[in-house]
Amino acid sequence: MSTRTRRIAAVGAAIAGTAGLIAVMVGLSVATTAPSAQPAPAGAPAPAAAPAAADPATRTQPLVAFYGDSYTLGTGASDPANRWSSIIAAERGWTEFNPSVNGLGFVNNRASTPPDYLPSDEIPQIIAQRPDIVFVTMGLNDNFSMPARAEAIQHAIRTDLDTLRTELPDARIIVVEPFWYTDERPDSVAWVIDHVRQGAEGIDAEWIPDASHWIEGHPEWMAADGLHPNDAGYAEMARRMDAALAQLGL
């Protein structure tokens, strides 16, 4: 995959709400409906430090923000440089801002409830950076709050995406079909995907389909915890993302 230097001018785990039941927080949210899980591996990459926000007109390379969970944070990779977001950013000469969080969802493991955002929430963090491009790779963990929090999830999807579009009118927003991690697919997976897609359409964001299938059927692409990709899995995700971005002209 060749390096792209073209400047872009346009631009976890939740506490289960059932009385008497507390889910353990790991890389993915765990609930009674989810497959059993082990804690996220020691040494999982931490969120990238925020680069100083700069006037987009004076940047020498695009600043690209990634809003996601453990699959975008890179949990399970041997090094943060091996996560899919860092691979595609390095190949394109992008500056990566990646505040992704283990267990994060539109409602799961949030620092605040949309639209009452705290500064520590990922949405205000991203907006403060004035990125040229925003990737939204959210939704996996919300499956573990279904169906009890379906209405809240739908509201949060709309609010997050509407806020990004309103606050970053010149940014190119790319919404990725929510990732999934097992061959078994609960009915909630399709429901979450459909509402994320509708939210993307509502703000005229670009949509990357089929990402929930990118690593299915390949247990050799999973880390020892059985929940997250390993380096080979993230390399495949980067390959598939690269192909999707090429179709978008990136």
Protein backbone atom coordinates (compact mmCIF):
# COMPACT_ATOMS: atom_id res chain seq x y z
CA MET A 1 0.00 0.00 0.00
CA SER A 2 1.54 3.29 -1.08
CA THR A 3 1.94 6.39 1.09
CA ARG A 4 -0.63 9.04 0.43
CA THR A 5 0.52 12.60 0.98
CA ARG A 6 -2.50 14.41 -0.47
CA ARG A 7 -3.72 17.05 1.98
CA ILE A 8 -7.35 16.69 2.96
CA ALA A 9 -8.91 20.17 2.77
CA ALA A 10 -12.57 19.22 3.08
CA VAL A 11 -13.12 17.69 5.37
CA GLY A 12 -15.77 -1.39 27.01
CA ALA A 13 -17.02 -2.52 29.65
CA ALA A 14 -20.28 -1.33 31.15
CA ILE A 15 -21.98 -1.93 34.47
CA ALA A 16 -25.03 -4.11 33.76
CA GLY A 17 -28.21 -2.36 34.87
CA THR A 18 -29.93 -5.48 36.18
CA ALA A 19 -30.43 -5.45 39.94
CA GLY A 20 -27.93 -7.64 41.75
CA LEU A 21 -25.69 -8.20 38.71
CA ILE A 22 -22.38 -6.42 38.14
CA ALA A 23 -20.39 -7.17 35.03
CA VAL A 24 -16.60 -7.10 35.16
CA MET A 25 -15.07 -4.35 33.03
CA VAL A 26 -12.67 -5.65 30.39
CA GLY A 27 -11.82 -4.62 26.87
CA LEU A 28 -15.35 -5.49 25.74
CA SER A 29 -18.40 -4.93 27.90
CA VAL A 30 -19.54 -8.16 29.54
CA ALA A 31 -23.13 -9.07 30.35
CA THR A 32 -25.04 -12.30 30.88
CA THR A 33 -25.92 -12.39 27.18
CA ALA A 34 -22.28 -12.11 26.08
CA PRO A 35 -19.76 -14.93 25.69
CA SER A 36 -17.55 -15.42 28.74
CA ALA A 37 -14.50 -13.19 28.74
CA GLN A 38 -11.13 -12.77 30.36
CA PRO A 39 -9.65 -9.39 31.39
CA ALA A 40 -7.91 -7.33 28.76
CA PRO A 41 -4.26 -8.36 28.45
CA ALA A 42 -1.67 -6.52 30.50
CA GLY A 43 0.11 -3.84 28.55
CA ALA A 44 -2.87 -2.99 26.34
CA PRO A 45 -2.15 0.27 24.52
CA ALA A 46 -3.32 3.45 26.21
CA PRO A 47 -5.08 6.26 24.38
CA ALA A 48 -2.73 8.40 22.35
CA ALA A 49 -1.76 11.70 23.89
CA ALA A 50 -3.60 14.57 22.27
CA PRO A 51 -1.47 16.64 19.91
CA ALA A 52 -1.74 20.36 20.41
CA ALA A 53 -4.71 21.63 18.45
CA ALA A 54 -3.57 23.66 15.47
CA ASP A 55 -5.34 25.86 12.97
CA PRO A 56 -6.29 23.46 10.16
CA ALA A 57 -5.12 26.05 7.64
CA THR A 58 -1.56 25.92 9.00
CA ARG A 59 -1.15 22.14 9.35
CA THR A 60 1.47 20.36 7.31
CA GLN A 61 -0.46 17.09 7.37
CA PRO A 62 -4.09 16.14 8.07
CA LEU A 63 -5.14 15.55 11.68
CA VAL A 64 -7.38 12.50 11.83
CA ALA A 65 -9.44 11.59 14.93
CA PHE A 66 -10.63 8.07 15.74
CA TYR A 67 -13.70 7.66 17.96
CA GLY A 68 -13.93 4.05 19.03
CA ASP A 69 -13.60 1.26 21.55
CA SER A 70 -10.95 -1.39 22.22
CA TYR A 71 -10.91 -2.44 18.55
CA THR A 72 -9.74 1.05 17.61
CA LEU A 73 -7.61 1.56 20.72
CA GLY A 74 -5.69 -1.55 19.64
CA THR A 75 -6.19 -3.81 22.66
CA GLY A 76 -4.60 -7.17 21.86
CA ALA A 77 -1.88 -5.73 19.63
CA SER A 78 1.74 -6.16 20.65
CA ASP A 79 2.30 -2.42 20.16
CA PRO A 80 -0.01 0.54 19.45
CA ALA A 81 1.77 1.01 16.11
CA ASN A 82 0.22 -2.32 15.01
CA ARG A 83 -3.41 -1.29 15.47
CA TRP A 84 -5.33 -0.66 12.25
CA SER A 85 -5.78 3.07 12.87
CA SER A 86 -2.06 3.68 13.32
CA ILE A 87 -1.20 1.57 10.28
CA ILE A 88 -3.44 3.51 7.92
CA ALA A 89 -2.47 6.85 9.46
CA ALA A 90 1.25 6.15 9.04
CA GLU A 91 0.79 5.03 5.44
CA ARG A 92 -1.10 8.21 4.57
CA GLY A 93 1.06 10.69 6.48
CA TRP A 94 -1.77 11.55 8.86
CA THR A 95 -1.39 12.79 12.43
CA GLU A 96 -3.46 10.38 14.52
CA PHE A 97 -5.57 11.48 17.49
CA ASN A 98 -6.99 8.35 19.09
CA PRO A 99 -8.80 8.77 22.44
CA SER A 100 -10.57 5.39 22.09
CA VAL A 101 -11.44 3.54 25.31
CA ASN A 102 -11.83 -0.12 26.24
CA GLY A 103 -15.49 -1.04 26.62
CA LEU A 104 -16.73 2.23 25.12
CA GLY A 105 -20.13 2.36 23.47
CA PHE A 106 -22.67 4.98 22.59
CA VAL A 107 -24.08 4.36 26.09
CA ASN A 108 -21.58 1.94 27.61
CA ASN A 109 -18.67 3.17 29.73
CA ARG A 110 -19.29 6.81 28.79
CA ALA A 111 -17.81 9.67 30.82
CA SER A 112 -21.09 11.53 30.32
CA THR A 113 -24.53 11.20 28.75
CA PRO A 114 -25.12 12.91 25.39
CA PRO A 115 -25.77 15.79 24.99
CA ASP A 116 -24.52 16.68 28.50
CA TYR A 117 -20.90 16.04 27.62
CA LEU A 118 -18.11 16.33 30.17
CA PRO A 119 -14.71 17.53 28.88
CA SER A 120 -13.34 14.01 29.45
CA ASP A 121 -15.84 12.47 27.04
CA GLU A 122 -14.38 11.51 23.66
CA ILE A 123 -16.73 13.77 21.67
CA PRO A 124 -15.51 17.04 23.26
CA GLN A 125 -11.92 15.80 23.11
CA ILE A 126 -12.23 15.24 19.36
CA ILE A 127 -14.02 18.52 18.72
CA ALA A 128 -11.30 20.44 20.59
CA GLN A 129 -8.69 19.11 18.14
CA ARG A 130 -10.52 20.49 15.06
CA PRO A 131 -9.61 17.40 13.01
CA ASP A 132 -9.71 17.27 9.23
CA ILE A 133 -11.19 13.75 9.26
CA VAL A 134 -13.16 11.87 11.94
CA PHE A 135 -13.60 8.10 12.00
CA VAL A 136 -16.54 6.78 14.05
CA THR A 137 -16.08 3.08 14.86
CA MET A 138 -18.59 2.65 17.66
CA GLY A 139 -21.40 0.26 18.55
CA LEU A 140 -19.90 -3.12 19.39
CA ASN A 141 -20.25 -2.76 23.16
CA ASP A 142 -23.78 -1.42 22.99
CA ASN A 143 -24.93 -4.92 22.07
CA PHE A 144 -24.39 -5.84 25.71
CA SER A 145 -26.96 -3.24 26.79
CA MET A 146 -29.64 -4.52 24.40
CA PRO A 147 -32.59 -4.59 24.46
CA ALA A 148 -32.94 -2.82 27.83
CA ARG A 149 -31.29 0.41 26.65
CA ALA A 150 -32.33 0.42 23.00
CA GLU A 151 -33.97 3.84 23.17
CA ALA A 152 -30.94 5.39 24.92
CA ILE A 153 -28.58 3.85 22.36
CA GLN A 154 -30.59 5.21 19.45
CA HIS A 155 -30.67 8.68 21.04
CA ALA A 156 -26.92 8.64 21.75
CA ILE A 157 -26.08 7.60 18.18
CA ARG A 158 -28.06 10.50 16.76
CA THR A 159 -26.75 12.99 19.31
CA ASP A 160 -23.08 12.04 18.91
CA LEU A 161 -23.18 12.18 15.13
CA ASP A 162 -25.28 15.36 14.99
CA THR A 163 -22.86 17.01 17.44
CA LEU A 164 -19.81 16.06 15.39
CA ARG A 165 -21.39 17.44 12.22
CA THR A 166 -22.56 20.66 13.88
CA GLU A 167 -19.28 21.37 15.66
CA LEU A 168 -17.00 20.20 12.85
CA PRO A 169 -18.82 21.38 9.71
CA ASP A 170 -15.69 21.22 7.54
CA ALA A 171 -14.48 17.81 8.73
CA ARG A 172 -14.83 14.71 6.60
CA ILE A 173 -16.76 12.24 8.79
CA ILE A 174 -16.42 8.54 8.04
CA VAL A 175 -18.71 6.17 9.92
CA VAL A 176 -17.67 2.51 9.94
CA GLU A 177 -20.11 -0.35 10.37
CA PRO A 178 -19.67 -1.44 14.01
CA PHE A 179 -17.09 -4.19 14.41
CA TRP A 180 -18.04 -7.60 15.81
CA TYR A 181 -15.84 -10.30 17.30
CA THR A 182 -17.51 -13.74 17.15
CA ASP A 183 -19.01 -15.83 14.39
CA GLU A 184 -22.21 -15.96 16.44
CA ARG A 185 -24.22 -12.78 15.84
CA PRO A 186 -27.05 -11.88 18.24
CA ASP A 187 -30.04 -10.09 16.71
CA SER A 188 -28.84 -6.89 18.37
CA VAL A 189 -25.82 -6.70 16.04
CA ALA A 190 -27.99 -6.01 13.00
CA TRP A 191 -30.13 -3.56 15.02
CA VAL A 192 -27.12 -1.51 16.16
CA ILE A 193 -25.58 -1.53 12.67
CA ASP A 194 -28.83 -0.32 11.13
CA HIS A 195 -29.19 2.59 13.55
CA VAL A 196 -25.55 3.64 13.16
CA ARG A 197 -26.00 3.58 9.37
CA GLN A 198 -29.15 5.69 9.64
CA GLY A 199 -27.31 8.15 11.86
CA ALA A 200 -24.51 8.41 9.29
CA GLU A 201 -27.02 9.07 6.52
CA GLY A 202 -28.67 11.73 8.66
CA ILE A 203 -25.49 13.84 8.73
CA ASP A 204 -24.35 12.98 5.18
CA ALA A 205 -21.32 11.11 6.51
CA GLU A 206 -19.48 8.56 4.40
CA TRP A 207 -20.30 4.96 5.31
CA ILE A 208 -18.01 1.92 5.27
CA PRO A 209 -20.09 -1.29 5.25
CA ASP A 210 -19.35 -4.92 6.19
CA ALA A 211 -16.76 -4.19 8.91
CA SER A 212 -18.58 -6.49 11.33
CA HIS A 213 -17.49 -9.41 9.10
CA TRP A 214 -13.85 -8.45 8.55
CA ILE A 215 -12.26 -10.94 10.96
CA GLU A 216 -14.98 -13.57 11.37
CA GLY A 217 -14.08 -17.18 10.75
CA HIS A 218 -10.40 -16.65 11.58
CA PRO A 219 -9.58 -17.60 15.19
CA GLU A 220 -5.89 -17.28 14.32
CA TRP A 221 -6.46 -13.51 14.05
CA MET A 222 -7.55 -13.25 17.69
CA ALA A 223 -5.36 -12.47 20.71
CA ALA A 224 -4.99 -14.89 23.61
CA ASP A 225 -7.96 -13.30 25.43
CA GLY A 226 -10.29 -14.45 22.65
CA LEU A 227 -11.92 -11.01 22.56
CA HIS A 228 -9.59 -8.78 20.57
CA PRO A 229 -7.57 -9.05 17.37
CA ASN A 230 -3.88 -9.82 17.50
CA ASP A 231 -1.31 -8.18 15.23
CA ALA A 232 -2.41 -10.35 12.30
CA GLY A 233 -6.05 -9.46 12.94
CA TYR A 234 -5.32 -5.75 13.04
CA ALA A 235 -3.24 -6.08 9.87
CA GLU A 236 -6.27 -7.62 8.14
CA MET A 237 -8.51 -4.85 9.45
CA ALA A 238 -6.02 -2.29 8.12
CA ARG A 239 -5.99 -4.04 4.74
CA ARG A 240 -9.78 -4.01 4.52
CA MET A 241 -9.97 -0.41 5.73
CA ASP A 242 -7.34 0.62 3.20
CA ALA A 243 -9.39 -0.89 0.38
CA ALA A 244 -12.56 0.84 1.61
CA LEU A 245 -10.79 4.19 1.90
CA ALA A 246 -9.35 3.84 -1.59
CA GLN A 247 -12.93 3.61 -2.87
CA LEU A 248 -13.62 6.90 -1.06
CA GLY A 249 -10.59 8.52 -2.66
CA LEU A 250 -8.46 8.53 0.49
